[in-house]
Amino acid sequence: LVAADAIVSLLIVVVVFVCARLRS
């Protein structure tokens, strides 16, 4: 459960970072 939570959190951070870079 901890590993799955870390993976999902990392995935969310990566998606937000990519979207922010594309917009800027």
PDB file of all heavy atoms in Angstrom:
ATOM      1  N   LEU A   1       0.829  -1.210   0.000  1.00  0.00           N
ATOM      2  CA  LEU A   1       0.000   0.000   0.000  1.00  0.00           C
ATOM      3  C   LEU A   1       0.863   1.260   0.000  1.00  0.00           C
ATOM      4  O   LEU A   1       0.564   2.226  -0.710  1.00  0.00           O
ATOM      5  CB  LEU A   1      -0.928   0.000   1.216  1.00  0.00           C
ATOM      6  CG  LEU A   1      -2.083  -0.987   1.165  1.00  0.00           C
ATOM      7  CD1 LEU A   1      -2.818  -1.003   2.511  1.00  0.00           C
ATOM      8  CD2 LEU A   1      -3.038  -0.654   0.044  1.00  0.00           C
ATOM      9  N   VAL A   2       1.933   1.253   0.773  1.00  0.00           N
ATOM     10  CA  VAL A   2       2.829   2.417   0.808  1.00  0.00           C
ATOM     11  C   VAL A   2       3.501   2.602  -0.545  1.00  0.00           C
ATOM     12  O   VAL A   2       3.606   3.725  -1.060  1.00  0.00           O
ATOM     13  CB  VAL A   2       3.867   2.262   1.941  1.00  0.00           C
ATOM     14  CG1 VAL A   2       4.957   3.319   1.835  1.00  0.00           C
ATOM     15  CG2 VAL A   2       3.185   2.348   3.291  1.00  0.00           C
ATOM     16  N   ALA A   3       3.940   1.501  -1.158  1.00  0.00           N
ATOM     17  CA  ALA A   3       4.591   1.595  -2.468  1.00  0.00           C
ATOM     18  C   ALA A   3       3.611   2.088  -3.531  1.00  0.00           C
ATOM     19  O   ALA A   3       3.967   2.930  -4.362  1.00  0.00           O
ATOM     20  CB  ALA A   3       5.163   0.237  -2.860  1.00  0.00           C
ATOM     21  N   ALA A   4       2.391   1.570  -3.516  1.00  0.00           N
ATOM     22  CA  ALA A   4       1.393   2.003  -4.490  1.00  0.00           C
ATOM     23  C   ALA A   4       1.067   3.485  -4.303  1.00  0.00           C
ATOM     24  O   ALA A   4       0.920   4.218  -5.282  1.00  0.00           O
ATOM     25  CB  ALA A   4       0.132   1.157  -4.359  1.00  0.00           C
ATOM     26  N   ASP A   5       0.978   3.927  -3.057  1.00  0.00           N
ATOM     27  CA  ASP A   5       0.706   5.333  -2.791  1.00  0.00           C
ATOM     28  C   ASP A   5       1.844   6.209  -3.296  1.00  0.00           C
ATOM     29  O   ASP A   5       1.614   7.262  -3.894  1.00  0.00           O
ATOM     30  CB  ASP A   5       0.501   5.547  -1.292  1.00  0.00           C
ATOM     31  CG  ASP A   5       0.187   6.989  -0.961  1.00  0.00           C
ATOM     32  OD1 ASP A   5      -0.692   7.563  -1.636  1.00  0.00           O
ATOM     33  OD2 ASP A   5       0.808   7.537  -0.040  1.00  0.00           O
ATOM     34  N   ALA A   6       3.081   5.770  -3.097  1.00  0.00           N
ATOM     35  CA  ALA A   6       4.233   6.537  -3.573  1.00  0.00           C
ATOM     36  C   ALA A   6       4.249   6.613  -5.096  1.00  0.00           C
ATOM     37  O   ALA A   6       4.533   7.671  -5.666  1.00  0.00           O
ATOM     38  CB  ALA A   6       5.523   5.909  -3.051  1.00  0.00           C
ATOM     39  N   ILE A   7       3.920   5.515  -5.761  1.00  0.00           N
ATOM     40  CA  ILE A   7       3.919   5.497  -7.226  1.00  0.00           C
ATOM     41  C   ILE A   7       2.837   6.423  -7.774  1.00  0.00           C
ATOM     42  O   ILE A   7       3.075   7.198  -8.703  1.00  0.00           O
ATOM     43  CB  ILE A   7       3.750   4.057  -7.743  1.00  0.00           C
ATOM     44  CG1 ILE A   7       5.025   3.250  -7.456  1.00  0.00           C
ATOM     45  CG2 ILE A   7       3.435   4.038  -9.229  1.00  0.00           C
ATOM     46  CD1 ILE A   7       4.880   1.778  -7.711  1.00  0.00           C
ATOM     47  N   VAL A   8       1.651   6.357  -7.206  1.00  0.00           N
ATOM     48  CA  VAL A   8       0.557   7.220  -7.680  1.00  0.00           C
ATOM     49  C   VAL A   8       0.880   8.687  -7.417  1.00  0.00           C
ATOM     50  O   VAL A   8       0.642   9.543  -8.266  1.00  0.00           O
ATOM     51  CB  VAL A   8      -0.779   6.793  -7.022  1.00  0.00           C
ATOM     52  CG1 VAL A   8      -1.863   7.824  -7.290  1.00  0.00           C
ATOM     53  CG2 VAL A   8      -1.197   5.429  -7.522  1.00  0.00           C
ATOM     54  N   SER A   9       1.449   8.987  -6.258  1.00  0.00           N
ATOM     55  CA  SER A   9       1.820  10.366  -5.950  1.00  0.00           C
ATOM     56  C   SER A   9       2.883  10.873  -6.917  1.00  0.00           C
ATOM     57  O   SER A   9       2.807  12.007  -7.401  1.00  0.00           O
ATOM     58  CB  SER A   9       2.340  10.474  -4.515  1.00  0.00           C
ATOM     59  OG  SER A   9       1.326  10.122  -3.609  1.00  0.00           O
ATOM     60  N   LEU A  10       3.866  10.040  -7.213  1.00  0.00           N
ATOM     61  CA  LEU A  10       4.908  10.422  -8.163  1.00  0.00           C
ATOM     62  C   LEU A  10       4.333  10.628  -9.558  1.00  0.00           C
ATOM     63  O   LEU A  10       4.705  11.567 -10.256  1.00  0.00           O
ATOM     64  CB  LEU A  10       5.999   9.356  -8.190  1.00  0.00           C
ATOM     65  CG  LEU A  10       7.244   9.674  -8.990  1.00  0.00           C
ATOM     66  CD1 LEU A  10       7.940  10.905  -8.421  1.00  0.00           C
ATOM     67  CD2 LEU A  10       8.189   8.489  -8.997  1.00  0.00           C
ATOM     68  N   LEU A  11       3.399   9.789  -9.950  1.00  0.00           N
ATOM     69  CA  LEU A  11       2.753   9.930 -11.251  1.00  0.00           C
ATOM     70  C   LEU A  11       1.991  11.247 -11.340  1.00  0.00           C
ATOM     71  O   LEU A  11       2.064  11.954 -12.349  1.00  0.00           O
ATOM     72  CB  LEU A  11       1.819   8.752 -11.507  1.00  0.00           C
ATOM     73  CG  LEU A  11       1.101   8.732 -12.846  1.00  0.00           C
ATOM     74  CD1 LEU A  11       2.100   8.538 -13.971  1.00  0.00           C
ATOM     75  CD2 LEU A  11       0.078   7.616 -12.871  1.00  0.00           C
ATOM     76  N   ILE A  12       1.298  11.623 -10.282  1.00  0.00           N
ATOM     77  CA  ILE A  12       0.557  12.887 -10.263  1.00  0.00           C
ATOM     78  C   ILE A  12       1.520  14.067 -10.371  1.00  0.00           C
ATOM     79  O   ILE A  12       1.279  15.010 -11.133  1.00  0.00           O
ATOM     80  CB  ILE A  12      -0.306  12.990  -8.989  1.00  0.00           C
ATOM     81  CG1 ILE A  12      -1.447  11.979  -9.055  1.00  0.00           C
ATOM     82  CG2 ILE A  12      -0.843  14.398  -8.791  1.00  0.00           C
ATOM     83  CD1 ILE A  12      -2.217  11.839  -7.766  1.00  0.00           C
ATOM     84  N   VAL A  13       2.631  14.012  -9.646  1.00  0.00           N
ATOM     85  CA  VAL A  13       3.618  15.094  -9.696  1.00  0.00           C
ATOM     86  C   VAL A  13       4.196  15.222 -11.101  1.00  0.00           C
ATOM     87  O   VAL A  13       4.354  16.332 -11.629  1.00  0.00           O
ATOM     88  CB  VAL A  13       4.726  14.865  -8.647  1.00  0.00           C
ATOM     89  CG1 VAL A  13       5.906  15.795  -8.871  1.00  0.00           C
ATOM     90  CG2 VAL A  13       4.177  15.044  -7.249  1.00  0.00           C
ATOM     91  N   VAL A  14       4.508  14.106 -11.735  1.00  0.00           N
ATOM     92  CA  VAL A  14       5.074  14.135 -13.089  1.00  0.00           C
ATOM     93  C   VAL A  14       4.076  14.720 -14.079  1.00  0.00           C
ATOM     94  O   VAL A  14       4.436  15.552 -14.921  1.00  0.00           O
ATOM     95  CB  VAL A  14       5.531  12.725 -13.517  1.00  0.00           C
ATOM     96  CG1 VAL A  14       5.833  12.652 -14.997  1.00  0.00           C
ATOM     97  CG2 VAL A  14       6.751  12.306 -12.711  1.00  0.00           C
ATOM     98  N   VAL A  15       2.819  14.321 -13.990  1.00  0.00           N
ATOM     99  CA  VAL A  15       1.800  14.832 -14.915  1.00  0.00           C
ATOM    100  C   VAL A  15       1.626  16.338 -14.730  1.00  0.00           C
ATOM    101  O   VAL A  15       1.559  17.091 -15.712  1.00  0.00           O
ATOM    102  CB  VAL A  15       0.465  14.085 -14.716  1.00  0.00           C
ATOM    103  CG1 VAL A  15      -0.674  14.794 -15.427  1.00  0.00           C
ATOM    104  CG2 VAL A  15       0.590  12.653 -15.215  1.00  0.00           C
ATOM    105  N   VAL A  16       1.579  16.800 -13.494  1.00  0.00           N
ATOM    106  CA  VAL A  16       1.434  18.235 -13.241  1.00  0.00           C
ATOM    107  C   VAL A  16       2.656  18.989 -13.756  1.00  0.00           C
ATOM    108  O   VAL A  16       2.535  20.056 -14.380  1.00  0.00           O
ATOM    109  CB  VAL A  16       1.211  18.503 -11.731  1.00  0.00           C
ATOM    110  CG1 VAL A  16       1.351  19.978 -11.404  1.00  0.00           C
ATOM    111  CG2 VAL A  16      -0.150  17.980 -11.312  1.00  0.00           C
ATOM    112  N   PHE A  17       3.847  18.455 -13.543  1.00  0.00           N
ATOM    113  CA  PHE A  17       5.068  19.101 -14.015  1.00  0.00           C
ATOM    114  C   PHE A  17       5.093  19.200 -15.540  1.00  0.00           C
ATOM    115  O   PHE A  17       5.414  20.244 -16.100  1.00  0.00           O
ATOM    116  CB  PHE A  17       6.287  18.320 -13.511  1.00  0.00           C
ATOM    117  CG  PHE A  17       7.592  18.898 -13.945  1.00  0.00           C
ATOM    118  CD1 PHE A  17       8.083  20.054 -13.373  1.00  0.00           C
ATOM    119  CD2 PHE A  17       8.330  18.288 -14.941  1.00  0.00           C
ATOM    120  CE1 PHE A  17       9.285  20.596 -13.775  1.00  0.00           C
ATOM    121  CE2 PHE A  17       9.538  18.821 -15.353  1.00  0.00           C
ATOM    122  CZ  PHE A  17      10.015  19.978 -14.767  1.00  0.00           C
ATOM    123  N   VAL A  18       4.726  18.120 -16.219  1.00  0.00           N
ATOM    124  CA  VAL A  18       4.723  18.121 -17.688  1.00  0.00           C
ATOM    125  C   VAL A  18       3.696  19.118 -18.216  1.00  0.00           C
ATOM    126  O   VAL A  18       3.972  19.878 -19.141  1.00  0.00           O
ATOM    127  CB  VAL A  18       4.468  16.700 -18.232  1.00  0.00           C
ATOM    128  CG1 VAL A  18       4.173  16.719 -19.713  1.00  0.00           C
ATOM    129  CG2 VAL A  18       5.674  15.815 -17.954  1.00  0.00           C
ATOM    130  N   CYS A  19       2.512  19.121 -17.627  1.00  0.00           N
ATOM    131  CA  CYS A  19       1.477  20.060 -18.079  1.00  0.00           C
ATOM    132  C   CYS A  19       1.901  21.505 -17.834  1.00  0.00           C
ATOM    133  O   CYS A  19       1.641  22.379 -18.659  1.00  0.00           O
ATOM    134  CB  CYS A  19       0.160  19.774 -17.376  1.00  0.00           C
ATOM    135  SG  CYS A  19      -0.620  18.247 -17.915  1.00  0.00           S
ATOM    136  N   ALA A  20       2.555  21.767 -16.711  1.00  0.00           N
ATOM    137  CA  ALA A  20       3.003  23.129 -16.413  1.00  0.00           C
ATOM    138  C   ALA A  20       4.092  23.562 -17.384  1.00  0.00           C
ATOM    139  O   ALA A  20       4.129  24.717 -17.811  1.00  0.00           O
ATOM    140  CB  ALA A  20       3.506  23.210 -14.979  1.00  0.00           C
ATOM    141  N   ARG A  21       4.985  22.665 -17.749  1.00  0.00           N
ATOM    142  CA  ARG A  21       6.037  23.019 -18.708  1.00  0.00           C
ATOM    143  C   ARG A  21       5.468  23.294 -20.083  1.00  0.00           C
ATOM    144  O   ARG A  21       5.911  24.190 -20.776  1.00  0.00           O
ATOM    145  CB  ARG A  21       7.066  21.891 -18.806  1.00  0.00           C
ATOM    146  CG  ARG A  21       8.122  21.981 -17.758  1.00  0.00           C
ATOM    147  CD  ARG A  21       9.185  20.968 -18.050  1.00  0.00           C
ATOM    148  NE  ARG A  21       9.915  21.326 -19.253  1.00  0.00           N
ATOM    149  CZ  ARG A  21      11.213  21.489 -19.315  1.00  0.00           C
ATOM    150  NH1 ARG A  21      11.911  21.347 -18.219  1.00  0.00           N
ATOM    151  NH2 ARG A  21      11.813  21.783 -20.434  1.00  0.00           N
ATOM    152  N   LEU A  22       4.486  22.504 -20.495  1.00  0.00           N
ATOM    153  CA  LEU A  22       3.893  22.716 -21.811  1.00  0.00           C
ATOM    154  C   LEU A  22       3.144  24.036 -21.882  1.00  0.00           C
ATOM    155  O   LEU A  22       3.109  24.687 -22.921  1.00  0.00           O
ATOM    156  CB  LEU A  22       2.959  21.560 -22.162  1.00  0.00           C
ATOM    157  CG  LEU A  22       3.637  20.217 -22.434  1.00  0.00           C
ATOM    158  CD1 LEU A  22       2.581  19.146 -22.680  1.00  0.00           C
ATOM    159  CD2 LEU A  22       4.588  20.309 -23.604  1.00  0.00           C
ATOM    160  N   ARG A  23       2.543  24.438 -20.782  1.00  0.00           N
ATOM    161  CA  ARG A  23       1.795  25.695 -20.767  1.00  0.00           C
ATOM    162  C   ARG A  23       2.689  26.908 -20.704  1.00  0.00           C
ATOM    163  O   ARG A  23       2.326  27.972 -21.183  1.00  0.00           O
ATOM    164  CB  ARG A  23       0.871  25.729 -19.553  1.00  0.00           C
ATOM    165  CG  ARG A  23      -0.442  25.102 -19.843  1.00  0.00           C
ATOM    166  CD  ARG A  23      -1.392  25.539 -18.809  1.00  0.00           C
ATOM    167  NE  ARG A  23      -2.634  25.814 -19.521  1.00  0.00           N
ATOM    168  CZ  ARG A  23      -3.697  26.257 -18.975  1.00  0.00           C
ATOM    169  NH1 ARG A  23      -3.703  26.513 -17.712  1.00  0.00           N
ATOM    170  NH2 ARG A  23      -4.776  26.464 -19.664  1.00  0.00           N
ATOM    171  N   SER A  24       3.853  26.785 -20.071  1.00  0.00           N
ATOM    172  CA  SER A  24       4.695  27.969 -19.870  1.00  0.00           C
ATOM    173  C   SER A  24       5.526  28.311 -21.097  1.00  0.00           C
ATOM    174  O   SER A  24       6.121  29.371 -21.144  1.00  0.00           O
ATOM    175  CB  SER A  24       5.624  27.748 -18.671  1.00  0.00           C
ATOM    176  OG  SER A  24       6.561  26.725 -18.965  1.00  0.00           O
TER     177      SER A  24
END
